[in-house]
Amino acid sequence: MTFELDKEKFGEFIAKLRKERGMTQKELAEKLFVSDKAISKWERGQSLPDITMLNPLADALGTTAAELLNCGKIKDEKIDASQVDEIIEKAISISDEEKKEKRKDLKKRLAIYFVCFAVGGVSTFLFYKKNGMQFYQSLLTIEILTAVFGAYFMFFIKERLPKYFDENKISVYSDGIFRLNTPGIYYNNRNWPHIIKNARISFMVIMAVFPVISVLLNIVFSETIAVAMHIAFTLGTIVGIFTPIYYGAIKYK
């Protein structure tokens, strides 16, 4: 016999515990460094937390991971073998659910990336066909940068930071050859998901839209005006790459 965690009962239980402790969804979310939307989905039985979140969630709600998986208080201090098996099976079901959600999310991000890459690539080629090498190098450089960094943020960046980021003021993130340094703002698990989300949107939009607008500028305006506007647009784009990252970091610090 296999035991699968009942999402609705799980959601009702954590909602009950949260209310008993007089916490709002936002307050619980802040303790766990997740969004209040995530808490809302858990409580409505629409999704389950990552298995790594069980202990922090239990601590925040004044219960145990076993009771969370049981969707209710465990009255007897001693748990028999069948109860242990049931709790383990439910933990495994959370892990399986998590893997399914991650695969689904990855497929979605892959589709978005390749659509943006294709749109940007075709537009860059059309720009080169019409203008030759004039400003082509700057356009190609931005395309390469957004493609590379966009791929990193879409597929390879770590979704959660180590705990010491929450305990210290750290403005540098390093992962292999990738390094993110933003003076004046600090990274933690409150703002990190928003930084990732904003960076993904920024890189994908720029990769797809920048070459399209570059082509349109050359079609609509005379060469002199188009050159001036292309320079201004390029500089604005470079600044725009980092603006959403700063915004996410500051707003949710």
C-alpha atoms as a PDB file:
ATOM      1  CA  MET A   1       0.000   0.000   0.000  1.00  0.00           C
ATOM      2  CA  THR A   2       1.246   3.464  -0.863  1.00  0.00           C
ATOM      3  CA  PHE A   3       0.337   6.663   0.918  1.00  0.00           C
ATOM      4  CA  GLU A   4       0.073   9.950  -0.919  1.00  0.00           C
ATOM      5  CA  LEU A   5      -0.084  13.276   0.828  1.00  0.00           C
ATOM      6  CA  ASP A   6      -3.519  14.868   0.593  1.00  0.00           C
ATOM      7  CA  LYS A   7      -2.828  18.411  -0.611  1.00  0.00           C
ATOM      8  CA  GLU A   8      -6.122  19.801   0.652  1.00  0.00           C
ATOM      9  CA  LYS A   9      -5.749  18.341   4.153  1.00  0.00           C
ATOM     10  CA  PHE A  10      -2.137  19.486   4.270  1.00  0.00           C
ATOM     11  CA  GLY A  11      -3.187  23.001   3.273  1.00  0.00           C
ATOM     12  CA  GLU A  12      -6.005  23.090   5.803  1.00  0.00           C
ATOM     13  CA  PHE A  13      -3.655  21.947   8.559  1.00  0.00           C
ATOM     14  CA  ILE A  14      -0.968  24.570   7.936  1.00  0.00           C
ATOM     15  CA  ALA A  15      -3.648  27.264   7.578  1.00  0.00           C
ATOM     16  CA  LYS A  16      -5.112  26.197  10.939  1.00  0.00           C
ATOM     17  CA  LEU A  17      -1.698  26.279  12.643  1.00  0.00           C
ATOM     18  CA  ARG A  18      -0.845  29.648  11.093  1.00  0.00           C
ATOM     19  CA  LYS A  19      -4.082  31.206  12.322  1.00  0.00           C
ATOM     20  CA  GLU A  20      -3.623  29.705  15.787  1.00  0.00           C
ATOM     21  CA  ARG A  21      -0.288  31.502  16.007  1.00  0.00           C
ATOM     22  CA  GLY A  22      -1.883  34.753  14.822  1.00  0.00           C
ATOM     23  CA  MET A  23       0.217  34.987  11.676  1.00  0.00           C
ATOM     24  CA  THR A  24      -0.799  36.310   8.285  1.00  0.00           C
ATOM     25  CA  GLN A  25       0.289  34.526   5.116  1.00  0.00           C
ATOM     26  CA  LYS A  26       2.736  37.346   4.488  1.00  0.00           C
ATOM     27  CA  GLU A  27       4.303  37.008   7.946  1.00  0.00           C
ATOM     28  CA  LEU A  28       4.730  33.252   7.500  1.00  0.00           C
ATOM     29  CA  ALA A  29       6.178  33.831   4.034  1.00  0.00           C
ATOM     30  CA  GLU A  30       8.748  36.246   5.459  1.00  0.00           C
ATOM     31  CA  LYS A  31       9.866  33.657   8.017  1.00  0.00           C
ATOM     32  CA  LEU A  32      10.394  31.086   5.262  1.00  0.00           C
ATOM     33  CA  PHE A  33      11.808  33.502   2.653  1.00  0.00           C
ATOM     34  CA  VAL A  34       9.087  32.605   0.142  1.00  0.00           C
ATOM     35  CA  SER A  35       6.295  34.646  -1.412  1.00  0.00           C
ATOM     36  CA  ASP A  36       2.881  34.955   0.223  1.00  0.00           C
ATOM     37  CA  LYS A  37       1.511  33.544  -3.051  1.00  0.00           C
ATOM     38  CA  ALA A  38       3.388  30.313  -2.327  1.00  0.00           C
ATOM     39  CA  ILE A  39       1.781  30.118   1.143  1.00  0.00           C
ATOM     40  CA  SER A  40      -1.621  30.755  -0.412  1.00  0.00           C
ATOM     41  CA  LYS A  41      -1.136  27.920  -2.910  1.00  0.00           C
ATOM     42  CA  TRP A  42      -0.085  25.525  -0.150  1.00  0.00           C
ATOM     43  CA  GLU A  43      -3.096  26.390   1.977  1.00  0.00           C
ATOM     44  CA  ARG A  44      -5.501  26.034  -0.948  1.00  0.00           C
ATOM     45  CA  GLY A  45      -4.061  22.635  -1.836  1.00  0.00           C
ATOM     46  CA  GLN A  46      -2.776  23.778  -5.214  1.00  0.00           C
ATOM     47  CA  SER A  47       0.842  22.847  -4.562  1.00  0.00           C
ATOM     48  CA  LEU A  48       3.194  21.455  -1.946  1.00  0.00           C
ATOM     49  CA  PRO A  49       6.350  23.027  -0.493  1.00  0.00           C
ATOM     50  CA  ASP A  50       9.783  21.673  -1.390  1.00  0.00           C
ATOM     51  CA  ILE A  51      10.731  18.820   0.901  1.00  0.00           C
ATOM     52  CA  THR A  52      13.615  20.988   2.166  1.00  0.00           C
ATOM     53  CA  MET A  53      11.006  23.438   3.467  1.00  0.00           C
ATOM     54  CA  LEU A  54       9.288  20.936   5.773  1.00  0.00           C
ATOM     55  CA  ASN A  55      11.481  21.512   8.834  1.00  0.00           C
ATOM     56  CA  PRO A  56      11.544  25.343   8.533  1.00  0.00           C
ATOM     57  CA  LEU A  57       7.759  25.322   7.973  1.00  0.00           C
ATOM     58  CA  ALA A  58       7.239  23.057  10.992  1.00  0.00           C
ATOM     59  CA  ASP A  59       9.428  25.284  13.180  1.00  0.00           C
ATOM     60  CA  ALA A  60       7.553  28.404  12.073  1.00  0.00           C
ATOM     61  CA  LEU A  61       4.204  26.772  12.876  1.00  0.00           C
ATOM     62  CA  GLY A  62       5.290  25.228  16.181  1.00  0.00           C
ATOM     63  CA  THR A  63       4.900  21.635  15.068  1.00  0.00           C
ATOM     64  CA  THR A  64       7.019  18.835  13.604  1.00  0.00           C
ATOM     65  CA  ALA A  65       7.662  17.646  10.060  1.00  0.00           C
ATOM     66  CA  ALA A  66       6.018  14.340  10.981  1.00  0.00           C
ATOM     67  CA  GLU A  67       2.827  16.114  12.046  1.00  0.00           C
ATOM     68  CA  LEU A  68       2.837  18.176   8.860  1.00  0.00           C
ATOM     69  CA  LEU A  69       3.038  14.981   6.816  1.00  0.00           C
ATOM     70  CA  ASN A  70       0.336  13.470   9.021  1.00  0.00           C
ATOM     71  CA  CYS A  71      -1.832  16.552   8.350  1.00  0.00           C
ATOM     72  CA  GLY A  72      -2.650  16.629  12.050  1.00  0.00           C
ATOM     73  CA  LYS A  73      -1.273  16.319  15.535  1.00  0.00           C
ATOM     74  CA  ILE A  74       0.275  13.003  16.555  1.00  0.00           C
ATOM     75  CA  LYS A  75      -1.094  12.309  20.043  1.00  0.00           C
ATOM     76  CA  ASP A  76       1.019   9.294  20.957  1.00  0.00           C
ATOM     77  CA  GLU A  77       4.679   9.952  21.606  1.00  0.00           C
ATOM     78  CA  LYS A  78       5.559   6.558  20.185  1.00  0.00           C
ATOM     79  CA  ILE A  79       4.887   6.000  16.504  1.00  0.00           C
ATOM     80  CA  ASP A  80       4.442   2.430  15.325  1.00  0.00           C
ATOM     81  CA  ALA A  81       6.098   0.992  12.209  1.00  0.00           C
ATOM     82  CA  SER A  82       3.056   1.466   9.980  1.00  0.00           C
ATOM     83  CA  GLN A  83       2.879   5.162  10.856  1.00  0.00           C
ATOM     84  CA  VAL A  84       6.578   5.558  10.123  1.00  0.00           C
ATOM     85  CA  ASP A  85       6.104   3.890   6.726  1.00  0.00           C
ATOM     86  CA  GLU A  86       3.163   6.173   5.971  1.00  0.00           C
ATOM     87  CA  ILE A  87       5.095   9.315   6.886  1.00  0.00           C
ATOM     88  CA  ILE A  88       8.071   8.237   4.755  1.00  0.00           C
ATOM     89  CA  GLU A  89       5.783   7.489   1.802  1.00  0.00           C
ATOM     90  CA  LYS A  90       4.215  10.937   2.109  1.00  0.00           C
ATOM     91  CA  ALA A  91       7.637  12.565   2.221  1.00  0.00           C
ATOM     92  CA  ILE A  92       8.554  10.681  -0.946  1.00  0.00           C
ATOM     93  CA  SER A  93       5.324  11.851  -2.588  1.00  0.00           C
ATOM     94  CA  ILE A  94       6.312  15.470  -1.837  1.00  0.00           C
ATOM     95  CA  SER A  95       9.703  14.831  -3.401  1.00  0.00           C
ATOM     96  CA  ASP A  96       8.065  13.328  -6.504  1.00  0.00           C
ATOM     97  CA  GLU A  97       5.639  16.244  -6.723  1.00  0.00           C
ATOM     98  CA  GLU A  98       8.543  18.661  -6.450  1.00  0.00           C
ATOM     99  CA  LYS A  99      10.406  16.919  -9.282  1.00  0.00           C
ATOM    100  CA  LYS A 100       7.326  17.046 -11.526  1.00  0.00           C
ATOM    101  CA  GLU A 101       6.850  20.763 -10.852  1.00  0.00           C
ATOM    102  CA  LYS A 102      10.522  21.453 -11.555  1.00  0.00           C
ATOM    103  CA  ARG A 103      10.417  19.519 -14.839  1.00  0.00           C
ATOM    104  CA  LYS A 104       7.274  21.384 -15.877  1.00  0.00           C
ATOM    105  CA  ASP A 105       8.846  24.733 -14.988  1.00  0.00           C
ATOM    106  CA  LEU A 106      12.066  23.829 -16.832  1.00  0.00           C
ATOM    107  CA  LYS A 107      10.147  22.966 -20.026  1.00  0.00           C
ATOM    108  CA  LYS A 108       8.360  26.305 -19.818  1.00  0.00           C
ATOM    109  CA  ARG A 109      11.632  28.205 -19.388  1.00  0.00           C
ATOM    110  CA  LEU A 110      13.246  26.269 -22.256  1.00  0.00           C
ATOM    111  CA  ALA A 111      10.377  27.228 -24.567  1.00  0.00           C
ATOM    112  CA  ILE A 112      10.585  30.909 -23.578  1.00  0.00           C
ATOM    113  CA  TYR A 113      14.360  30.973 -24.001  1.00  0.00           C
ATOM    114  CA  PHE A 114      14.375  29.431 -27.465  1.00  0.00           C
ATOM    115  CA  VAL A 115      11.533  31.646 -28.718  1.00  0.00           C
ATOM    116  CA  CYS A 116      13.391  34.771 -27.540  1.00  0.00           C
ATOM    117  CA  PHE A 117      16.672  33.425 -28.930  1.00  0.00           C
ATOM    118  CA  ALA A 118      15.058  32.701 -32.324  1.00  0.00           C
ATOM    119  CA  VAL A 119      13.367  36.119 -32.539  1.00  0.00           C
ATOM    120  CA  GLY A 120      16.587  37.880 -31.556  1.00  0.00           C
ATOM    121  CA  GLY A 121      18.702  35.781 -33.915  1.00  0.00           C
ATOM    122  CA  VAL A 122      16.492  36.358 -36.965  1.00  0.00           C
ATOM    123  CA  SER A 123      16.264  40.095 -36.244  1.00  0.00           C
ATOM    124  CA  THR A 124      20.048  40.346 -35.807  1.00  0.00           C
ATOM    125  CA  PHE A 125      20.544  38.638 -39.175  1.00  0.00           C
ATOM    126  CA  LEU A 126      18.072  41.012 -40.862  1.00  0.00           C
ATOM    127  CA  PHE A 127      19.883  43.977 -39.283  1.00  0.00           C
ATOM    128  CA  TYR A 128      23.193  42.726 -40.698  1.00  0.00           C
ATOM    129  CA  LYS A 129      21.675  42.177 -44.168  1.00  0.00           C
ATOM    130  CA  LYS A 130      20.375  45.750 -44.300  1.00  0.00           C
ATOM    131  CA  ASN A 131      23.235  47.630 -42.612  1.00  0.00           C
ATOM    132  CA  GLY A 132      26.337  45.500 -43.018  1.00  0.00           C
ATOM    133  CA  MET A 133      28.794  45.957 -40.174  1.00  0.00           C
ATOM    134  CA  GLN A 134      27.500  49.378 -39.070  1.00  0.00           C
ATOM    135  CA  PHE A 135      26.587  48.964 -35.399  1.00  0.00           C
ATOM    136  CA  TYR A 136      26.376  45.233 -36.017  1.00  0.00           C
ATOM    137  CA  GLN A 137      29.143  44.493 -33.523  1.00  0.00           C
ATOM    138  CA  SER A 138      27.393  46.332 -30.681  1.00  0.00           C
ATOM    139  CA  LEU A 139      24.130  44.561 -31.510  1.00  0.00           C
ATOM    140  CA  LEU A 140      25.844  41.158 -31.680  1.00  0.00           C
ATOM    141  CA  THR A 141      27.670  41.819 -28.389  1.00  0.00           C
ATOM    142  CA  ILE A 142      24.417  42.568 -26.568  1.00  0.00           C
ATOM    143  CA  GLU A 143      22.789  39.502 -28.114  1.00  0.00           C
ATOM    144  CA  ILE A 144      25.642  37.249 -27.004  1.00  0.00           C
ATOM    145  CA  LEU A 145      25.671  38.723 -23.481  1.00  0.00           C
ATOM    146  CA  THR A 146      21.908  38.362 -23.031  1.00  0.00           C
ATOM    147  CA  ALA A 147      21.960  34.845 -24.496  1.00  0.00           C
ATOM    148  CA  VAL A 148      24.770  33.689 -22.180  1.00  0.00           C
ATOM    149  CA  PHE A 149      23.647  35.406 -18.977  1.00  0.00           C
ATOM    150  CA  GLY A 150      20.008  34.720 -19.801  1.00  0.00           C
ATOM    151  CA  ALA A 151      20.801  30.996 -20.101  1.00  0.00           C
ATOM    152  CA  TYR A 152      22.571  31.077 -16.738  1.00  0.00           C
ATOM    153  CA  PHE A 153      19.648  32.760 -14.959  1.00  0.00           C
ATOM    154  CA  MET A 154      17.075  30.588 -16.727  1.00  0.00           C
ATOM    155  CA  PHE A 155      18.688  27.183 -16.209  1.00  0.00           C
ATOM    156  CA  PHE A 156      21.716  27.119 -13.932  1.00  0.00           C
ATOM    157  CA  ILE A 157      21.438  29.660 -11.125  1.00  0.00           C
ATOM    158  CA  LYS A 158      20.801  28.318  -7.612  1.00  0.00           C
ATOM    159  CA  GLU A 159      17.254  29.069  -6.491  1.00  0.00           C
ATOM    160  CA  ARG A 160      18.184  29.451  -2.799  1.00  0.00           C
ATOM    161  CA  LEU A 161      21.176  31.058  -1.143  1.00  0.00           C
ATOM    162  CA  PRO A 162      23.189  29.518   1.710  1.00  0.00           C
ATOM    163  CA  LYS A 163      21.950  30.489   5.169  1.00  0.00           C
ATOM    164  CA  TYR A 164      24.904  32.807   5.854  1.00  0.00           C
ATOM    165  CA  PHE A 165      23.517  35.256   3.268  1.00  0.00           C
ATOM    166  CA  ASP A 166      20.536  35.796   5.581  1.00  0.00           C
ATOM    167  CA  GLU A 167      22.771  36.327   8.592  1.00  0.00           C
ATOM    168  CA  ASN A 168      25.247  38.753   7.023  1.00  0.00           C
ATOM    169  CA  LYS A 169      25.209  41.712   4.681  1.00  0.00           C
ATOM    170  CA  ILE A 170      26.697  40.305   1.471  1.00  0.00           C
ATOM    171  CA  SER A 171      26.624  42.175  -1.829  1.00  0.00           C
ATOM    172  CA  VAL A 172      28.643  39.685  -3.887  1.00  0.00           C
ATOM    173  CA  TYR A 173      27.374  36.387  -5.272  1.00  0.00           C
ATOM    174  CA  SER A 174      29.859  33.991  -6.855  1.00  0.00           C
ATOM    175  CA  ASP A 175      29.139  30.683  -8.564  1.00  0.00           C
ATOM    176  CA  GLY A 176      32.020  29.267 -10.616  1.00  0.00           C
ATOM    177  CA  ILE A 177      32.949  31.792 -13.301  1.00  0.00           C
ATOM    178  CA  PHE A 178      29.747  33.748 -12.703  1.00  0.00           C
ATOM    179  CA  ARG A 179      29.995  36.716 -10.356  1.00  0.00           C
ATOM    180  CA  LEU A 180      27.290  39.201  -9.439  1.00  0.00           C
ATOM    181  CA  ASN A 181      28.416  42.306  -7.591  1.00  0.00           C
ATOM    182  CA  THR A 182      25.914  45.084  -6.922  1.00  0.00           C
ATOM    183  CA  PRO A 183      27.303  47.756  -4.572  1.00  0.00           C
ATOM    184  CA  GLY A 184      24.754  49.159  -2.166  1.00  0.00           C
ATOM    185  CA  ILE A 185      22.409  46.174  -2.026  1.00  0.00           C
ATOM    186  CA  TYR A 186      22.637  42.861  -0.199  1.00  0.00           C
ATOM    187  CA  TYR A 187      21.486  39.403  -1.208  1.00  0.00           C
ATOM    188  CA  ASN A 188      19.334  37.166   0.973  1.00  0.00           C
ATOM    189  CA  ASN A 189      16.580  34.611   0.520  1.00  0.00           C
ATOM    190  CA  ARG A 190      13.921  37.313   0.764  1.00  0.00           C
ATOM    191  CA  ASN A 191      15.016  39.190  -2.351  1.00  0.00           C
ATOM    192  CA  TRP A 192      16.897  36.443  -4.220  1.00  0.00           C
ATOM    193  CA  PRO A 193      13.784  34.894  -5.893  1.00  0.00           C
ATOM    194  CA  HIS A 194      12.738  38.365  -7.086  1.00  0.00           C
ATOM    195  CA  ILE A 195      16.240  39.118  -8.369  1.00  0.00           C
ATOM    196  CA  ILE A 196      16.209  35.873 -10.364  1.00  0.00           C
ATOM    197  CA  LYS A 197      12.710  36.502 -11.720  1.00  0.00           C
ATOM    198  CA  ASN A 198      13.484  40.104 -12.741  1.00  0.00           C
ATOM    199  CA  ALA A 199      16.820  39.125 -14.306  1.00  0.00           C
ATOM    200  CA  ARG A 200      15.144  36.388 -16.348  1.00  0.00           C
ATOM    201  CA  ILE A 201      12.510  38.771 -17.660  1.00  0.00           C
ATOM    202  CA  SER A 202      15.118  41.450 -18.387  1.00  0.00           C
ATOM    203  CA  PHE A 203      17.483  39.190 -20.323  1.00  0.00           C
ATOM    204  CA  MET A 204      14.719  37.493 -22.311  1.00  0.00           C
ATOM    205  CA  VAL A 205      13.017  40.765 -23.274  1.00  0.00           C
ATOM    206  CA  ILE A 206      16.286  42.416 -24.307  1.00  0.00           C
ATOM    207  CA  MET A 207      17.451  39.354 -26.264  1.00  0.00           C
ATOM    208  CA  ALA A 208      14.211  39.310 -28.265  1.00  0.00           C
ATOM    209  CA  VAL A 209      13.276  42.988 -28.469  1.00  0.00           C
ATOM    210  CA  PHE A 210      16.605  44.847 -28.831  1.00  0.00           C
ATOM    211  CA  PRO A 211      17.424  43.607 -32.371  1.00  0.00           C
ATOM    212  CA  VAL A 212      13.778  44.009 -33.468  1.00  0.00           C
ATOM    213  CA  ILE A 213      13.771  47.673 -32.434  1.00  0.00           C
ATOM    214  CA  SER A 214      17.194  48.157 -34.056  1.00  0.00           C
ATOM    215  CA  VAL A 215      15.776  46.898 -37.356  1.00  0.00           C
ATOM    216  CA  LEU A 216      12.676  49.105 -37.034  1.00  0.00           C
ATOM    217  CA  LEU A 217      14.778  52.201 -36.327  1.00  0.00           C
ATOM    218  CA  ASN A 218      16.603  51.718 -39.611  1.00  0.00           C
ATOM    219  CA  ILE A 219      13.359  51.183 -41.510  1.00  0.00           C
ATOM    220  CA  VAL A 220      11.385  54.117 -40.072  1.00  0.00           C
ATOM    221  CA  PHE A 221      14.052  56.837 -39.714  1.00  0.00           C
ATOM    222  CA  SER A 222      16.704  58.335 -41.923  1.00  0.00           C
ATOM    223  CA  GLU A 223      20.248  57.035 -41.519  1.00  0.00           C
ATOM    224  CA  THR A 224      21.449  60.018 -39.430  1.00  0.00           C
ATOM    225  CA  ILE A 225      18.524  59.856 -36.989  1.00  0.00           C
ATOM    226  CA  ALA A 226      18.662  56.071 -36.861  1.00  0.00           C
ATOM    227  CA  VAL A 227      22.371  56.143 -35.943  1.00  0.00           C
ATOM    228  CA  ALA A 228      21.778  58.604 -33.076  1.00  0.00           C
ATOM    229  CA  MET A 229      18.781  56.679 -31.804  1.00  0.00           C
ATOM    230  CA  HIS A 230      20.641  53.377 -32.022  1.00  0.00           C
ATOM    231  CA  ILE A 231      23.479  54.740 -29.856  1.00  0.00           C
ATOM    232  CA  ALA A 232      21.020  56.094 -27.278  1.00  0.00           C
ATOM    233  CA  PHE A 233      18.997  52.870 -27.336  1.00  0.00           C
ATOM    234  CA  THR A 234      22.129  50.753 -26.870  1.00  0.00           C
ATOM    235  CA  LEU A 235      23.262  52.765 -23.849  1.00  0.00           C
ATOM    236  CA  GLY A 236      19.769  52.656 -22.383  1.00  0.00           C
ATOM    237  CA  THR A 237      19.639  48.895 -22.854  1.00  0.00           C
ATOM    238  CA  ILE A 238      22.947  48.368 -21.044  1.00  0.00           C
ATOM    239  CA  VAL A 239      21.605  50.332 -18.069  1.00  0.00           C
ATOM    240  CA  GLY A 240      18.279  48.524 -18.343  1.00  0.00           C
ATOM    241  CA  ILE A 241      19.887  45.113 -17.940  1.00  0.00           C
ATOM    242  CA  PHE A 242      20.775  45.817 -14.317  1.00  0.00           C
ATOM    243  CA  THR A 243      17.834  48.026 -13.301  1.00  0.00           C
ATOM    244  CA  PRO A 244      15.385  45.134 -12.644  1.00  0.00           C
ATOM    245  CA  ILE A 245      18.036  43.331 -10.559  1.00  0.00           C
ATOM    246  CA  TYR A 246      18.504  46.401  -8.352  1.00  0.00           C
ATOM    247  CA  TYR A 247      14.753  46.916  -8.165  1.00  0.00           C
ATOM    248  CA  GLY A 248      14.083  43.353  -6.966  1.00  0.00           C
ATOM    249  CA  ALA A 249      16.921  43.492  -4.457  1.00  0.00           C
ATOM    250  CA  ILE A 250      15.915  46.837  -2.933  1.00  0.00           C
ATOM    251  CA  LYS A 251      12.136  46.324  -2.880  1.00  0.00           C
ATOM    252  CA  TYR A 252      12.296  42.972  -1.096  1.00  0.00           C
ATOM    253  CA  LYS A 253      15.389  43.527   1.057  1.00  0.00           C
END
